[in-house]
Amino acid sequence: MSLLTIFYILAAVTLATGFMTVISKNPIHSAIYLVLCFFSIGGHYLLFNAQFLAMVHIIVYAGAIMVLILFTIMLMNLNKETEPLKSKASVFAAVIAFGLLCFVMLATFVKAMPKIKASPSNGMDFQSIKVLGKVLLNEYMVPFEFVSVLLLVAMIGAVLLSKKQKTVQ
């Protein structure tokens, strides 16, 4: 299977799962479609030979953020079907607007499609995890540590904000 075929399959999966995320009535199903969309985007990163970005994308987005979204959905109890029914005219107008938007975007992408040329290589692999680790932990050690402390403080703040106050009677 050629890379172009894999790209088209991943693009179709990304578009389909993104669309299903938006139109799904059940928020849990919507979250699952979003996870599938994140995995297909990770596949796009693999096609670009960016293995580290693909793994970080899957771990951060499909792992951590989707867990947070699911906890939020479960805490808010959004399973109630309380959305009022839309009129047929508004649904028809939304479908027409979506179709026109898709047509304009497709025409723009076809018109602006770049010609793919072979890029020259100097022998260094800047996408490898080894090079990225050396740069991150040598040149950018202090900002890396600051970000880790900032994330730890944000996590503690989120736990403290979500903690319920005890009422004294």
Protein backbone atom coordinates (compact mmCIF):
# COMPACT_ATOMS: atom_id res chain seq x y z
CA MET A 1 0.00 0.00 0.00
CA SER A 2 1.45 3.38 -0.95
CA LEU A 3 1.89 6.29 1.43
CA LEU A 4 -0.67 8.32 -0.48
CA THR A 5 -3.29 5.60 0.00
CA ILE A 6 -2.52 5.45 3.73
CA PHE A 7 -2.77 9.24 3.90
CA TYR A 8 -6.18 9.22 2.23
CA ILE A 9 -7.44 6.47 4.54
CA LEU A 10 -6.20 8.37 7.62
CA ALA A 11 -7.71 11.60 6.30
CA ALA A 12 -11.07 9.90 5.77
CA VAL A 13 -10.98 8.42 9.27
CA THR A 14 -10.02 11.80 10.74
CA LEU A 15 -12.83 13.62 8.95
CA ALA A 16 -15.41 10.94 9.71
CA THR A 17 -14.59 10.70 13.40
CA GLY A 18 -14.39 14.48 13.73
CA PHE A 19 -17.80 14.79 12.11
CA MET A 20 -19.23 12.06 14.34
CA THR A 21 -17.77 13.85 17.38
CA VAL A 22 -19.80 16.91 16.52
CA ILE A 23 -23.10 15.26 15.55
CA SER A 24 -23.20 12.51 18.18
CA LYS A 25 -25.97 13.05 20.74
CA ASN A 26 -24.37 10.93 23.46
CA PRO A 27 -21.39 12.75 25.03
CA ILE A 28 -19.59 9.49 25.81
CA HIS A 29 -19.81 8.41 22.17
CA SER A 30 -18.61 11.87 21.19
CA ALA A 31 -15.55 11.47 23.43
CA ILE A 32 -14.79 8.04 21.94
CA TYR A 33 -15.00 9.44 18.42
CA LEU A 34 -12.62 12.22 19.48
CA VAL A 35 -10.12 9.64 20.77
CA LEU A 36 -10.28 7.84 17.41
CA CYS A 37 -9.73 11.19 15.68
CA PHE A 38 -6.65 11.80 17.84
CA PHE A 39 -5.27 8.36 16.95
CA SER A 40 -5.70 9.02 13.24
CA ILE A 41 -3.93 12.37 13.60
CA GLY A 42 -1.12 10.47 15.34
CA GLY A 43 -0.99 8.30 12.22
CA HIS A 44 -0.49 11.45 10.16
CA TYR A 45 2.50 12.32 12.35
CA LEU A 46 3.92 8.86 11.69
CA LEU A 47 3.58 9.47 7.96
CA PHE A 48 5.68 12.62 8.43
CA ASN A 49 8.33 10.45 10.13
CA ALA A 50 7.80 12.27 13.43
CA GLN A 51 7.53 9.31 15.78
CA PHE A 52 8.08 11.35 18.92
CA LEU A 53 5.30 13.80 18.04
CA ALA A 54 2.98 10.90 17.26
CA MET A 55 3.59 9.24 20.61
CA VAL A 56 3.33 12.49 22.56
CA HIS A 57 0.13 13.38 20.71
CA ILE A 58 -1.45 10.03 21.53
CA ILE A 59 -0.29 10.07 25.16
CA VAL A 60 -1.24 13.69 25.87
CA TYR A 61 -4.43 14.08 23.87
CA ALA A 62 -5.91 10.60 23.66
CA GLY A 63 -4.73 9.76 27.15
CA ALA A 64 -4.72 12.67 29.53
CA ILE A 65 -7.09 15.18 27.97
CA MET A 66 -9.75 12.62 27.07
CA VAL A 67 -9.66 11.28 30.64
CA LEU A 68 -10.29 14.82 31.85
CA ILE A 69 -13.12 15.31 29.36
CA LEU A 70 -14.74 12.02 30.38
CA PHE A 71 -14.49 12.92 34.07
CA THR A 72 -16.07 16.28 33.29
CA ILE A 73 -18.90 14.62 31.38
CA MET A 74 -19.50 12.17 34.19
CA LEU A 75 -19.38 14.86 36.89
CA MET A 76 -21.78 17.14 35.03
CA ASN A 77 -24.17 14.28 34.20
CA LEU A 78 -24.73 15.35 30.61
CA ASN A 79 -26.55 12.17 29.61
CA LYS A 80 -29.93 13.90 29.66
CA GLU A 81 -31.46 14.50 26.26
CA THR A 82 -32.66 18.02 27.02
CA GLU A 83 -31.76 19.70 23.74
CA PRO A 84 -34.87 21.02 22.00
CA LEU A 85 -35.68 19.72 18.55
CA LYS A 86 -34.55 21.86 15.66
CA SER A 87 -36.91 22.85 12.89
CA LYS A 88 -36.46 21.27 9.47
CA ALA A 89 -35.60 24.67 7.95
CA SER A 90 -32.69 25.22 10.35
CA VAL A 91 -31.37 21.69 9.77
CA PHE A 92 -31.64 22.18 6.00
CA ALA A 93 -29.83 25.55 6.25
CA ALA A 94 -27.07 23.97 8.35
CA VAL A 95 -26.60 21.16 5.82
CA ILE A 96 -26.42 23.66 2.93
CA ALA A 97 -23.94 25.85 4.83
CA PHE A 98 -21.81 22.81 5.67
CA GLY A 99 -21.84 21.64 2.04
CA LEU A 100 -20.83 25.08 0.77
CA LEU A 101 -18.05 25.30 3.36
CA CYS A 102 -16.75 21.86 2.32
CA PHE A 103 -16.87 22.85 -1.34
CA VAL A 104 -14.94 26.10 -0.72
CA MET A 105 -12.33 24.33 1.42
CA LEU A 106 -11.89 21.54 -1.13
CA ALA A 107 -11.56 24.05 -3.98
CA THR A 108 -9.01 26.02 -1.97
CA PHE A 109 -6.95 22.93 -1.16
CA VAL A 110 -6.99 21.71 -4.76
CA LYS A 111 -6.00 25.15 -6.07
CA ALA A 112 -3.20 25.58 -3.52
CA MET A 113 -1.78 22.04 -3.71
CA PRO A 114 2.01 22.27 -3.62
CA LYS A 115 4.27 20.37 -5.93
CA ILE A 116 6.19 17.79 -3.92
CA LYS A 117 9.94 17.90 -4.46
CA ALA A 118 12.66 15.82 -2.88
CA SER A 119 14.31 17.75 -0.08
CA PRO A 120 18.07 17.69 0.29
CA SER A 121 19.43 15.85 3.31
CA ASN A 122 22.55 16.70 5.28
CA GLY A 123 22.62 13.36 7.09
CA MET A 124 21.35 14.59 10.48
CA ASP A 125 18.06 13.24 11.77
CA PHE A 126 16.37 16.03 13.69
CA GLN A 127 13.22 13.94 14.23
CA SER A 128 14.92 11.27 16.33
CA ILE A 129 14.14 10.99 20.00
CA LYS A 130 17.84 10.80 20.88
CA VAL A 131 18.62 14.22 19.37
CA LEU A 132 15.48 15.73 20.89
CA GLY A 133 16.34 14.34 24.32
CA LYS A 134 19.88 15.74 24.17
CA VAL A 135 18.65 19.19 23.20
CA LEU A 136 15.79 19.17 25.71
CA LEU A 137 17.83 17.99 28.67
CA ASN A 138 21.04 19.92 27.90
CA GLU A 139 20.22 23.29 26.34
CA TYR A 140 16.66 23.67 27.65
CA MET A 141 16.99 21.99 31.06
CA VAL A 142 15.84 24.99 33.16
CA PRO A 143 12.70 25.81 31.09
CA PHE A 144 11.86 22.08 31.04
CA GLU A 145 12.00 21.95 34.84
CA PHE A 146 9.97 25.18 35.14
CA VAL A 147 7.23 23.67 32.97
CA SER A 148 7.15 20.50 35.08
CA VAL A 149 6.80 22.55 38.29
CA LEU A 150 4.11 24.71 36.66
CA LEU A 151 2.13 21.62 35.64
CA LEU A 152 2.46 20.19 39.15
CA VAL A 153 1.16 23.44 40.69
CA ALA A 154 -1.72 23.54 38.18
CA MET A 155 -2.66 19.96 39.05
CA ILE A 156 -2.64 20.72 42.79
CA GLY A 157 -4.73 23.86 42.14
CA ALA A 158 -7.28 21.87 40.15
CA VAL A 159 -7.59 19.32 42.95
CA LEU A 160 -8.04 22.07 45.55
CA LEU A 161 -10.64 23.90 43.44
CA SER A 162 -12.68 20.76 42.85
CA LYS A 163 -12.62 19.77 46.53
CA LYS A 164 -15.96 20.36 48.22
CA GLN A 165 -16.08 22.48 51.37
CA LYS A 166 -17.39 20.84 54.51
CA THR A 167 -20.39 22.61 55.93
CA VAL A 168 -20.42 23.18 59.66
CA GLN A 169 -23.77 22.61 61.33
